[in-house]
Amino acid sequence: MASALPSSVKRAVLSALLVACSLAPLPSATLERLSLNDMILGSTTIVRAKVTGSNAAFSGPIIYTHYQIRVSETLKGSSAATAEFVVQGGVANNLRQTFSGVPQFSVGDEYVFFLWTGKSGATQIMGLTQGLFSVAQDGAADPTTTRSTSHEVMLQRGTGQQVKDQTLMMTMSQLRAQIAATIAGKGAH
């Protein structure tokens, strides 16, 4: 009859396993920190819109989720009643892919979306979550918009130094004014 390992050995093995697991790198994205003016100037389109639906499909080995939005206000770019953007990841053919830093949405979510369209024709969000300002659903005439702090590694443009991200909050009218001023060349840099 084989004897059981002493409890002190079990604890040592378990401790070593926990330490090894905690030292393993966690998946994360590294982002260049974009200022609000960077996002305004770099965006092809800026819209206030609600998510109305989504579908996911493979493009080569990567799953992309295509989100459809109903536009209530266009702050930059051409005006359209609806639009679509893509994010990496999703569920297609019973397979799930996830990517660090990529936002997920539900039908009815309302945001100010900072979108850019690349050479491929695909429209994406500027800087992953950096290009999203959630719109408060409190019924206010001038609702608060919030860009939440990103939990991804952020690097300062030009220096490559790691920096902490900060939450940005302003009313919808303040955001509109900043967008208009920046487009007119009067925004603070």
N, C-alpha and C. Protein backbone atom coordinates (compact mmCIF):
# COMPACT_ATOMS: atom_id res chain seq x y z
N MET A 1 0.84 -1.16 0.00
CA MET A 1 0.00 0.00 0.00
C MET A 1 0.90 1.24 0.00
N ALA A 2 0.69 2.09 -0.98
CA ALA A 2 1.51 3.30 -1.09
C ALA A 2 1.05 4.31 -0.07
N SER A 3 2.01 4.96 0.54
CA SER A 3 1.63 5.97 1.54
C SER A 3 1.38 7.30 0.85
N ALA A 4 0.49 8.07 1.41
CA ALA A 4 0.15 9.39 0.89
C ALA A 4 1.32 10.34 1.15
N LEU A 5 1.46 11.33 0.29
CA LEU A 5 2.50 12.34 0.50
C LEU A 5 2.20 13.10 1.79
N PRO A 6 3.23 13.43 2.52
CA PRO A 6 3.03 14.23 3.72
C PRO A 6 2.40 15.57 3.35
N SER A 7 1.61 16.12 4.24
CA SER A 7 0.91 17.38 3.96
C SER A 7 1.89 18.53 3.72
N SER A 8 3.06 18.48 4.34
CA SER A 8 4.04 19.55 4.11
C SER A 8 4.55 19.53 2.66
N VAL A 9 4.68 18.35 2.07
CA VAL A 9 5.11 18.24 0.67
C VAL A 9 3.99 18.73 -0.25
N LYS A 10 2.76 18.36 0.07
CA LYS A 10 1.62 18.81 -0.73
C LYS A 10 1.55 20.34 -0.72
N ARG A 11 1.72 20.94 0.44
CA ARG A 11 1.68 22.40 0.55
C ARG A 11 2.81 23.04 -0.26
N ALA A 12 4.00 22.46 -0.20
CA ALA A 12 5.14 23.00 -0.94
C ALA A 12 4.90 22.93 -2.44
N VAL A 13 4.36 21.80 -2.91
CA VAL A 13 4.08 21.64 -4.34
C VAL A 13 3.00 22.62 -4.77
N LEU A 14 1.94 22.74 -3.98
CA LEU A 14 0.86 23.66 -4.29
C LEU A 14 1.37 25.11 -4.30
N SER A 15 2.19 25.47 -3.34
CA SER A 15 2.76 26.83 -3.28
C SER A 15 3.62 27.11 -4.51
N ALA A 16 4.44 26.15 -4.90
CA ALA A 16 5.30 26.32 -6.07
C ALA A 16 4.45 26.48 -7.33
N LEU A 17 3.38 25.72 -7.43
CA LEU A 17 2.48 25.81 -8.58
C LEU A 17 1.81 27.19 -8.62
N LEU A 18 1.36 27.68 -7.49
CA LEU A 18 0.72 28.99 -7.44
C LEU A 18 1.69 30.10 -7.81
N VAL A 19 2.92 30.01 -7.33
CA VAL A 19 3.93 31.01 -7.67
C VAL A 19 4.22 30.97 -9.17
N ALA A 20 4.37 29.79 -9.72
CA ALA A 20 4.65 29.65 -11.15
C ALA A 20 3.52 30.24 -11.99
N CYS A 21 2.28 29.98 -11.59
CA CYS A 21 1.13 30.52 -12.33
C CYS A 21 1.06 32.03 -12.21
N SER A 22 1.40 32.58 -11.07
CA SER A 22 1.32 34.02 -10.90
C SER A 22 2.42 34.75 -11.66
N LEU A 23 3.50 34.07 -12.00
CA LEU A 23 4.58 34.69 -12.75
C LEU A 23 4.36 34.63 -14.26
N ALA A 24 3.40 33.82 -14.69
CA ALA A 24 3.12 33.70 -16.11
C ALA A 24 2.55 35.02 -16.61
N PRO A 25 2.94 35.48 -17.80
CA PRO A 25 2.41 36.75 -18.30
C PRO A 25 0.92 36.65 -18.58
N LEU A 26 0.21 37.72 -18.25
CA LEU A 26 -1.21 37.78 -18.53
C LEU A 26 -1.41 38.42 -19.89
N PRO A 27 -2.44 37.98 -20.62
CA PRO A 27 -2.67 38.58 -21.92
C PRO A 27 -3.13 40.02 -21.75
N SER A 28 -2.55 40.92 -22.53
CA SER A 28 -3.00 42.31 -22.51
C SER A 28 -2.59 42.97 -23.82
N ALA A 29 -3.23 44.08 -24.07
CA ALA A 29 -2.88 44.86 -25.26
C ALA A 29 -2.01 46.02 -24.82
N THR A 30 -1.17 46.48 -25.72
CA THR A 30 -0.39 47.69 -25.48
C THR A 30 -0.90 48.74 -26.45
N LEU A 31 -1.31 49.87 -25.90
CA LEU A 31 -1.92 50.92 -26.71
C LEU A 31 -1.12 52.20 -26.62
N GLU A 32 -1.10 52.94 -27.71
CA GLU A 32 -0.58 54.30 -27.66
C GLU A 32 -1.70 55.16 -27.09
N ARG A 33 -1.39 55.94 -26.05
CA ARG A 33 -2.42 56.79 -25.45
C ARG A 33 -2.74 57.91 -26.43
N LEU A 34 -4.02 58.03 -26.71
CA LEU A 34 -4.51 59.05 -27.63
C LEU A 34 -5.22 60.14 -26.84
N SER A 35 -4.90 61.37 -27.14
CA SER A 35 -5.64 62.47 -26.52
C SER A 35 -6.99 62.58 -27.22
N LEU A 36 -7.89 63.32 -26.61
CA LEU A 36 -9.19 63.54 -27.23
C LEU A 36 -9.00 64.21 -28.59
N ASN A 37 -8.09 65.18 -28.68
CA ASN A 37 -7.85 65.84 -29.96
C ASN A 37 -7.25 64.89 -30.99
N ASP A 38 -6.37 63.98 -30.56
CA ASP A 38 -5.83 62.97 -31.47
C ASP A 38 -6.97 62.15 -32.08
N MET A 39 -7.91 61.75 -31.23
CA MET A 39 -9.02 60.92 -31.71
C MET A 39 -9.95 61.71 -32.62
N ILE A 40 -10.19 62.97 -32.28
CA ILE A 40 -11.05 63.81 -33.13
C ILE A 40 -10.43 63.95 -34.51
N LEU A 41 -9.15 64.30 -34.55
CA LEU A 41 -8.48 64.52 -35.83
C LEU A 41 -8.27 63.22 -36.61
N GLY A 42 -8.05 62.12 -35.93
CA GLY A 42 -7.79 60.84 -36.58
C GLY A 42 -9.02 60.08 -37.02
N SER A 43 -10.16 60.45 -36.49
CA SER A 43 -11.40 59.75 -36.83
C SER A 43 -11.90 60.14 -38.21
N THR A 44 -12.43 59.16 -38.90
CA THR A 44 -13.11 59.42 -40.16
C THR A 44 -14.50 59.94 -39.88
N THR A 45 -15.12 59.35 -38.84
CA THR A 45 -16.49 59.68 -38.47
C THR A 45 -16.60 59.67 -36.95
N ILE A 46 -17.38 60.59 -36.41
CA ILE A 46 -17.72 60.58 -34.99
C ILE A 46 -19.24 60.67 -34.91
N VAL A 47 -19.86 59.68 -34.27
CA VAL A 47 -21.32 59.64 -34.19
C VAL A 47 -21.80 59.28 -32.80
N ARG A 48 -22.96 59.79 -32.45
CA ARG A 48 -23.68 59.33 -31.27
C ARG A 48 -24.68 58.31 -31.80
N ALA A 49 -24.63 57.11 -31.24
CA ALA A 49 -25.44 56.04 -31.80
C ALA A 49 -25.73 54.95 -30.78
N LYS A 50 -26.75 54.15 -31.08
CA LYS A 50 -27.10 52.99 -30.26
C LYS A 50 -26.82 51.72 -31.05
N VAL A 51 -26.33 50.71 -30.33
CA VAL A 51 -26.08 49.41 -30.95
C VAL A 51 -27.42 48.74 -31.22
N THR A 52 -27.61 48.28 -32.47
CA THR A 52 -28.88 47.64 -32.84
C THR A 52 -28.74 46.15 -33.13
N GLY A 53 -27.52 45.67 -33.34
CA GLY A 53 -27.34 44.26 -33.63
C GLY A 53 -25.89 43.93 -33.91
N SER A 54 -25.63 42.64 -34.07
CA SER A 54 -24.27 42.20 -34.38
C SER A 54 -24.30 40.84 -35.03
N ASN A 55 -23.24 40.54 -35.74
CA ASN A 55 -23.01 39.20 -36.27
C ASN A 55 -21.51 38.99 -36.38
N ALA A 56 -21.08 37.76 -36.24
CA ALA A 56 -19.65 37.46 -36.27
C ALA A 56 -19.35 36.51 -37.42
N ALA A 57 -18.16 36.66 -37.99
CA ALA A 57 -17.75 35.80 -39.10
C ALA A 57 -16.23 35.75 -39.15
N PHE A 58 -15.74 34.66 -39.70
CA PHE A 58 -14.30 34.51 -39.91
C PHE A 58 -13.86 35.37 -41.09
N SER A 59 -12.68 35.95 -40.94
CA SER A 59 -11.97 36.58 -42.05
C SER A 59 -10.57 36.01 -41.95
N GLY A 60 -10.28 35.00 -42.75
CA GLY A 60 -9.05 34.23 -42.58
C GLY A 60 -9.15 33.49 -41.25
N PRO A 61 -8.09 33.51 -40.45
CA PRO A 61 -8.12 32.77 -39.19
C PRO A 61 -8.74 33.55 -38.03
N ILE A 62 -9.14 34.81 -38.27
CA ILE A 62 -9.63 35.65 -37.19
C ILE A 62 -11.13 35.86 -37.31
N ILE A 63 -11.81 35.79 -36.16
CA ILE A 63 -13.23 36.10 -36.10
C ILE A 63 -13.37 37.60 -35.87
N TYR A 64 -14.25 38.22 -36.63
CA TYR A 64 -14.58 39.63 -36.44
C TYR A 64 -16.07 39.72 -36.13
N THR A 65 -16.41 40.55 -35.15
CA THR A 65 -17.81 40.83 -34.87
C THR A 65 -18.15 42.16 -35.53
N HIS A 66 -19.22 42.14 -36.31
CA HIS A 66 -19.71 43.33 -37.02
C HIS A 66 -20.89 43.86 -36.21
N TYR A 67 -20.76 45.09 -35.73
CA TYR A 67 -21.83 45.72 -34.96
C TYR A 67 -22.55 46.74 -35.84
N GLN A 68 -23.87 46.69 -35.78
CA GLN A 68 -24.68 47.67 -36.49
C GLN A 68 -25.15 48.70 -35.46
N ILE A 69 -25.13 49.97 -35.87
CA ILE A 69 -25.55 51.04 -34.98
C ILE A 69 -26.55 51.95 -35.70
N ARG A 70 -27.46 52.54 -34.90
CA ARG A 70 -28.42 53.52 -35.40
C ARG A 70 -27.92 54.89 -34.94
N VAL A 71 -27.61 55.74 -35.87
CA VAL A 71 -27.00 57.04 -35.60
C VAL A 71 -28.09 58.05 -35.25
N SER A 72 -27.91 58.74 -34.12
CA SER A 72 -28.84 59.82 -33.75
C SER A 72 -28.22 61.19 -34.00
N GLU A 73 -26.89 61.25 -34.10
CA GLU A 73 -26.22 62.52 -34.31
C GLU A 73 -24.84 62.27 -34.93
N THR A 74 -24.52 63.03 -35.97
CA THR A 74 -23.20 62.95 -36.59
C THR A 74 -22.41 64.18 -36.17
N LEU A 75 -21.26 63.96 -35.55
CA LEU A 75 -20.43 65.05 -35.05
C LEU A 75 -19.24 65.33 -35.96
N LYS A 76 -18.89 64.37 -36.80
CA LYS A 76 -17.84 64.53 -37.80
C LYS A 76 -18.07 63.50 -38.89
N GLY A 77 -17.80 63.89 -40.12
CA GLY A 77 -17.92 62.95 -41.23
C GLY A 77 -19.28 63.02 -41.89
N SER A 78 -19.51 62.05 -42.78
CA SER A 78 -20.76 62.04 -43.53
C SER A 78 -21.89 61.48 -42.67
N SER A 79 -23.06 61.99 -42.93
CA SER A 79 -24.25 61.63 -42.15
C SER A 79 -24.94 60.42 -42.76
N ALA A 80 -25.30 59.48 -41.92
CA ALA A 80 -26.05 58.30 -42.34
C ALA A 80 -26.91 57.85 -41.16
N ALA A 81 -28.03 57.24 -41.45
CA ALA A 81 -28.94 56.79 -40.38
C ALA A 81 -28.40 55.57 -39.65
N THR A 82 -27.63 54.76 -40.37
CA THR A 82 -27.05 53.56 -39.77
C THR A 82 -25.60 53.45 -40.18
N ALA A 83 -24.86 52.68 -39.42
CA ALA A 83 -23.45 52.44 -39.73
C ALA A 83 -23.06 51.08 -39.17
N GLU A 84 -21.87 50.63 -39.53
CA GLU A 84 -21.36 49.36 -39.03
C GLU A 84 -19.87 49.52 -38.75
N PHE A 85 -19.41 48.85 -37.71
CA PHE A 85 -17.98 48.79 -37.42
C PHE A 85 -17.65 47.37 -37.00
N VAL A 86 -16.36 47.04 -37.02
CA VAL A 86 -15.92 45.69 -36.66
C VAL A 86 -14.94 45.76 -35.50
N VAL A 87 -14.96 44.69 -34.71
CA VAL A 87 -13.95 44.47 -33.68
C VAL A 87 -13.45 43.05 -33.80
N GLN A 88 -12.21 42.82 -33.40
CA GLN A 88 -11.67 41.47 -33.43
C GLN A 88 -12.33 40.65 -32.33
N GLY A 89 -12.56 39.38 -32.66
CA GLY A 89 -13.11 38.45 -31.68
C GLY A 89 -14.60 38.26 -31.85
N GLY A 90 -15.09 37.23 -31.18
CA GLY A 90 -16.51 36.90 -31.24
C GLY A 90 -16.70 35.41 -31.31
N VAL A 91 -17.93 35.02 -31.64
CA VAL A 91 -18.28 33.61 -31.75
C VAL A 91 -18.80 33.35 -33.15
N ALA A 92 -18.14 32.42 -33.86
CA ALA A 92 -18.56 32.01 -35.20
C ALA A 92 -18.31 30.51 -35.33
N ASN A 93 -19.24 29.82 -35.94
CA ASN A 93 -19.13 28.37 -36.14
C ASN A 93 -18.82 27.64 -34.83
N ASN A 94 -19.46 28.07 -33.76
CA ASN A 94 -19.29 27.48 -32.42
C ASN A 94 -17.87 27.61 -31.86
N LEU A 95 -17.09 28.54 -32.41
CA LEU A 95 -15.75 28.82 -31.90
C LEU A 95 -15.72 30.25 -31.37
N ARG A 96 -15.05 30.45 -30.24
CA ARG A 96 -14.93 31.78 -29.64
C ARG A 96 -13.48 32.23 -29.68
N GLN A 97 -13.28 33.48 -30.11
CA GLN A 97 -11.98 34.13 -30.05
C GLN A 97 -12.13 35.40 -29.23
N THR A 98 -11.15 35.65 -28.36
CA THR A 98 -11.16 36.89 -27.59
C THR A 98 -9.80 37.57 -27.75
N PHE A 99 -9.82 38.87 -27.68
CA PHE A 99 -8.62 39.68 -27.79
C PHE A 99 -8.64 40.70 -26.68
N SER A 100 -7.54 40.85 -26.00
CA SER A 100 -7.43 41.78 -24.89
C SER A 100 -7.69 43.21 -25.35
N GLY A 101 -8.45 43.94 -24.55
CA GLY A 101 -8.70 45.35 -24.82
C GLY A 101 -9.81 45.64 -25.79
N VAL A 102 -10.40 44.60 -26.38
CA VAL A 102 -11.45 44.80 -27.37
C VAL A 102 -12.80 44.90 -26.64
N PRO A 103 -13.54 45.99 -26.89
CA PRO A 103 -14.83 46.14 -26.21
C PRO A 103 -15.89 45.20 -26.77
N GLN A 104 -16.88 44.92 -25.94
CA GLN A 104 -18.04 44.14 -26.36
C GLN A 104 -19.28 44.99 -26.08
N PHE A 105 -20.29 44.82 -26.88
CA PHE A 105 -21.48 45.66 -26.80
C PHE A 105 -22.73 44.81 -26.72
N SER A 106 -23.78 45.43 -26.19
CA SER A 106 -25.10 44.82 -26.16
C SER A 106 -26.07 45.73 -26.90
N VAL A 107 -27.11 45.13 -27.45
CA VAL A 107 -28.13 45.91 -28.14
C VAL A 107 -28.69 46.94 -27.15
N GLY A 108 -28.80 48.17 -27.60
CA GLY A 108 -29.31 49.26 -26.78
C GLY A 108 -28.23 50.13 -26.15
N ASP A 109 -26.98 49.64 -26.11
CA ASP A 109 -25.88 50.46 -25.59
C ASP A 109 -25.77 51.73 -26.44
N GLU A 110 -25.60 52.88 -25.78
CA GLU A 110 -25.45 54.14 -26.50
C GLU A 110 -24.09 54.75 -26.20
N TYR A 111 -23.41 55.16 -27.25
CA TYR A 111 -22.07 55.72 -27.13
C TYR A 111 -21.90 56.86 -28.13
N VAL A 112 -20.86 57.65 -27.90
CA VAL A 112 -20.29 58.47 -28.95
C VAL A 112 -19.10 57.64 -29.43
N PHE A 113 -19.17 57.24 -30.70
CA PHE A 113 -18.16 56.37 -31.31
C PHE A 113 -17.20 57.22 -32.15
N PHE A 114 -15.90 57.09 -31.87
CA PHE A 114 -14.86 57.69 -32.70
C PHE A 114 -14.40 56.58 -33.64
N LEU A 115 -14.78 56.66 -34.90
CA LEU A 115 -14.55 55.59 -35.87
C LEU A 115 -13.59 56.03 -36.95
N TRP A 116 -12.82 55.08 -37.45
CA TRP A 116 -11.96 55.34 -38.60
C TRP A 116 -12.09 54.18 -39.56
N THR A 117 -11.99 54.51 -40.83
CA THR A 117 -12.09 53.51 -41.87
C THR A 117 -10.72 53.38 -42.54
N GLY A 118 -10.19 52.17 -42.50
CA GLY A 118 -8.87 51.89 -43.07
C GLY A 118 -8.92 51.63 -44.56
N LYS A 119 -7.76 51.37 -45.13
CA LYS A 119 -7.64 51.09 -46.57
C LYS A 119 -8.45 49.88 -46.99
N SER A 120 -8.63 48.93 -46.05
CA SER A 120 -9.39 47.71 -46.37
C SER A 120 -10.88 48.00 -46.49
N GLY A 121 -11.30 49.17 -46.04
CA GLY A 121 -12.72 49.51 -46.05
C GLY A 121 -13.43 49.17 -44.75
N ALA A 122 -12.73 48.49 -43.84
CA ALA A 122 -13.32 48.13 -42.56
C ALA A 122 -13.28 49.33 -41.61
N THR A 123 -14.40 49.59 -40.96
CA THR A 123 -14.49 50.68 -40.00
C THR A 123 -14.28 50.12 -38.61
N GLN A 124 -13.41 50.77 -37.84
CA GLN A 124 -13.08 50.31 -36.49
C GLN A 124 -13.14 51.48 -35.52
N ILE A 125 -13.07 51.18 -34.23
CA ILE A 125 -13.06 52.20 -33.18
C ILE A 125 -11.63 52.67 -32.97
N MET A 126 -11.44 53.97 -32.84
CA MET A 126 -10.11 54.53 -32.58
C MET A 126 -9.59 54.03 -31.23
N GLY A 127 -8.41 53.44 -31.22
CA GLY A 127 -7.76 53.07 -29.96
C GLY A 127 -8.53 52.13 -29.08
N LEU A 128 -9.26 51.20 -29.68
CA LEU A 128 -10.09 50.25 -28.93
C LEU A 128 -11.06 51.01 -28.03
N THR A 129 -10.97 50.86 -26.72
CA THR A 129 -11.93 51.52 -25.83
C THR A 129 -11.69 53.02 -25.70
N GLN A 130 -10.55 53.52 -26.16
CA GLN A 130 -10.29 54.95 -26.07
C GLN A 130 -11.29 55.75 -26.90
N GLY A 131 -11.79 55.17 -27.97
CA GLY A 131 -12.71 55.86 -28.87
C GLY A 131 -14.17 55.65 -28.55
N LEU A 132 -14.47 55.38 -27.28
CA LEU A 132 -15.86 55.14 -26.86
C LEU A 132 -16.22 56.02 -25.67
N PHE A 133 -17.22 56.84 -25.82
CA PHE A 133 -17.76 57.61 -24.71
C PHE A 133 -19.18 57.11 -24.48
N SER A 134 -19.41 56.46 -23.34
CA SER A 134 -20.77 56.00 -23.05
C SER A 134 -21.63 57.22 -22.74
N VAL A 135 -22.89 57.14 -23.13
CA VAL A 135 -23.83 58.22 -22.90
C VAL A 135 -24.75 57.81 -21.77
N ALA A 136 -24.81 58.64 -20.72
CA ALA A 136 -25.65 58.33 -19.55
C ALA A 136 -27.10 58.22 -19.97
N GLN A 137 -27.77 57.20 -19.46
CA GLN A 137 -29.17 56.95 -19.78
C GLN A 137 -30.07 57.48 -18.67
N ASP A 138 -29.87 58.73 -18.28
CA ASP A 138 -30.62 59.30 -17.16
C ASP A 138 -31.72 60.25 -17.60
N GLY A 139 -31.92 60.37 -18.90
CA GLY A 139 -32.98 61.23 -19.41
C GLY A 139 -32.64 62.70 -19.41
N ALA A 140 -31.42 63.06 -19.06
CA ALA A 140 -31.02 64.47 -19.02
C ALA A 140 -31.00 65.05 -20.43
N ALA A 141 -31.33 66.33 -20.53
CA ALA A 141 -31.28 67.02 -21.82
C ALA A 141 -29.85 67.10 -22.34
N ASP A 142 -28.90 67.20 -21.43
CA ASP A 142 -27.48 67.26 -21.77
C ASP A 142 -26.76 66.17 -20.99
N PRO A 143 -26.86 64.91 -21.46
CA PRO A 143 -26.32 63.80 -20.68
C PRO A 143 -24.80 63.83 -20.55
N THR A 144 -24.31 63.18 -19.50
CA THR A 144 -22.88 63.03 -19.29
C THR A 144 -22.37 61.93 -20.20
N THR A 145 -21.20 62.18 -20.80
CA THR A 145 -20.52 61.15 -21.58
C THR A 145 -19.26 60.78 -20.82
N THR A 146 -18.91 59.50 -20.85
CA THR A 146 -17.76 59.01 -20.09
C THR A 146 -16.94 58.05 -20.93
N ARG A 147 -15.64 58.35 -21.01
CA ARG A 147 -14.69 57.39 -21.57
C ARG A 147 -13.97 56.80 -20.37
N SER A 148 -14.26 55.53 -20.11
CA SER A 148 -13.70 54.86 -18.94
C SER A 148 -12.20 54.65 -19.10
N THR A 149 -11.53 54.55 -17.97
CA THR A 149 -10.10 54.26 -17.95
C THR A 149 -9.84 52.91 -18.61
N SER A 150 -8.86 52.87 -19.48
CA SER A 150 -8.47 51.61 -20.09
C SER A 150 -7.60 50.84 -19.10
N HIS A 151 -7.78 49.55 -19.07
CA HIS A 151 -6.97 48.70 -18.19
C HIS A 151 -5.80 48.08 -18.93
N GLU A 152 -5.59 48.51 -20.16
CA GLU A 152 -4.49 48.00 -20.97
C GLU A 152 -3.24 48.85 -20.71
N VAL A 153 -2.10 48.33 -21.09
CA VAL A 153 -0.84 49.07 -20.97
C VAL A 153 -0.90 50.23 -21.96
N MET A 154 -0.61 51.44 -21.46
CA MET A 154 -0.64 52.65 -22.29
C MET A 154 0.76 53.23 -22.40
N LEU A 155 1.12 53.60 -23.61
CA LEU A 155 2.42 54.23 -23.85
C LEU A 155 2.20 55.64 -24.38
N GLN A 156 3.01 56.58 -23.91
CA GLN A 156 2.92 57.97 -24.34
C GLN A 156 3.46 58.10 -25.75
N ARG A 157 2.72 58.81 -26.59
CA ARG A 157 3.13 59.05 -27.97
C ARG A 157 4.47 59.79 -27.97
N GLY A 158 5.37 59.34 -28.81
CA GLY A 158 6.66 60.01 -28.96
C GLY A 158 7.74 59.49 -28.03
N THR A 159 7.42 59.24 -26.77
CA THR A 159 8.44 58.82 -25.81
C THR A 159 8.44 57.32 -25.58
N GLY A 160 7.29 56.67 -25.77
CA GLY A 160 7.19 55.25 -25.48
C GLY A 160 7.14 54.94 -24.00
N GLN A 161 7.08 55.97 -23.16
CA GLN A 161 7.01 55.77 -21.71
C GLN A 161 5.62 55.26 -21.33
N GLN A 162 5.59 54.32 -20.39
CA GLN A 162 4.31 53.81 -19.91
C GLN A 162 3.64 54.89 -19.07
N VAL A 163 2.35 55.11 -19.32
CA VAL A 163 1.58 56.12 -18.60
C VAL A 163 0.27 55.51 -18.12
N LYS A 164 -0.32 56.14 -17.13
CA LYS A 164 -1.62 55.71 -16.62
C LYS A 164 -2.71 56.42 -17.40
N ASP A 165 -3.72 55.69 -17.74
CA ASP A 165 -4.87 56.27 -18.42
C ASP A 165 -5.79 56.90 -17.39
N GLN A 166 -6.62 57.83 -17.83
CA GLN A 166 -7.57 58.48 -16.94
C GLN A 166 -8.95 58.50 -17.57
N THR A 167 -9.95 58.43 -16.72
CA THR A 167 -11.33 58.55 -17.17
C THR A 167 -11.58 59.97 -17.65
N LEU A 168 -12.30 60.12 -18.75
CA LEU A 168 -12.71 61.43 -19.24
C LEU A 168 -14.22 61.53 -19.12
N MET A 169 -14.69 62.59 -18.48
CA MET A 169 -16.13 62.82 -18.35
C MET A 169 -16.45 64.24 -18.76
N MET A 170 -17.50 64.40 -19.55
CA MET A 170 -17.99 65.73 -19.92
C MET A 170 -19.42 65.58 -20.41
N THR A 171 -20.13 66.70 -20.41
CA THR A 171 -21.49 66.64 -20.93
C THR A 171 -21.43 66.50 -22.45
N MET A 172 -22.54 66.09 -23.00
CA MET A 172 -22.63 65.94 -24.45
C MET A 172 -22.35 67.28 -25.13
N SER A 173 -22.84 68.39 -24.57
CA SER A 173 -22.60 69.70 -25.19
C SER A 173 -21.12 70.07 -25.12
N GLN A 174 -20.43 69.72 -24.04
CA GLN A 174 -19.00 69.99 -23.95
C GLN A 174 -18.22 69.16 -24.97
N LEU A 175 -18.60 67.90 -25.13
CA LEU A 175 -17.94 67.05 -26.12
C LEU A 175 -18.17 67.58 -27.53
N ARG A 176 -19.41 67.98 -27.83
CA ARG A 176 -19.72 68.57 -29.14
C ARG A 176 -18.84 69.79 -29.40
N ALA A 177 -18.74 70.67 -28.39
CA ALA A 177 -17.96 71.90 -28.54
C ALA A 177 -16.48 71.59 -28.77
N GLN A 178 -15.93 70.60 -28.04
CA GLN A 178 -14.52 70.22 -28.21
C GLN A 178 -14.28 69.67 -29.60
N ILE A 179 -15.19 68.84 -30.09
CA ILE A 179 -15.06 68.27 -31.44
C ILE A 179 -15.09 69.39 -32.46
N ALA A 180 -16.06 70.30 -32.37
CA ALA A 180 -16.18 71.40 -33.32
C ALA A 180 -14.94 72.29 -33.29
N ALA A 181 -14.46 72.63 -32.09
CA ALA A 181 -13.27 73.50 -31.97
C ALA A 181 -12.04 72.83 -32.55
N THR A 182 -11.86 71.55 -32.29
CA THR A 182 -10.69 70.84 -32.81
C THR A 182 -10.74 70.75 -34.33
N ILE A 183 -11.90 70.44 -34.87
CA ILE A 183 -12.02 70.37 -36.33
C ILE A 183 -11.75 71.74 -36.96
N ALA A 184 -12.18 72.80 -36.28
CA ALA A 184 -11.96 74.16 -36.78
C ALA A 184 -10.52 74.63 -36.56
N GLY A 185 -9.69 73.80 -35.89
CA GLY A 185 -8.30 74.15 -35.66
C GLY A 185 -8.07 74.96 -34.42
N LYS A 186 -9.06 74.99 -33.53
CA LYS A 186 -8.94 75.79 -32.32
C LYS A 186 -8.88 74.95 -31.06
N GLY A 187 -8.82 73.62 -31.22
CA GLY A 187 -8.81 72.75 -30.04
C GLY A 187 -7.49 72.81 -29.32
N ALA A 188 -7.55 72.59 -28.01
CA ALA A 188 -6.32 72.56 -27.20
C ALA A 188 -5.51 71.34 -27.55
N HIS A 189 -4.21 71.48 -27.67
CA HIS A 189 -3.35 70.33 -27.97
C HIS A 189 -2.55 70.10 -26.75
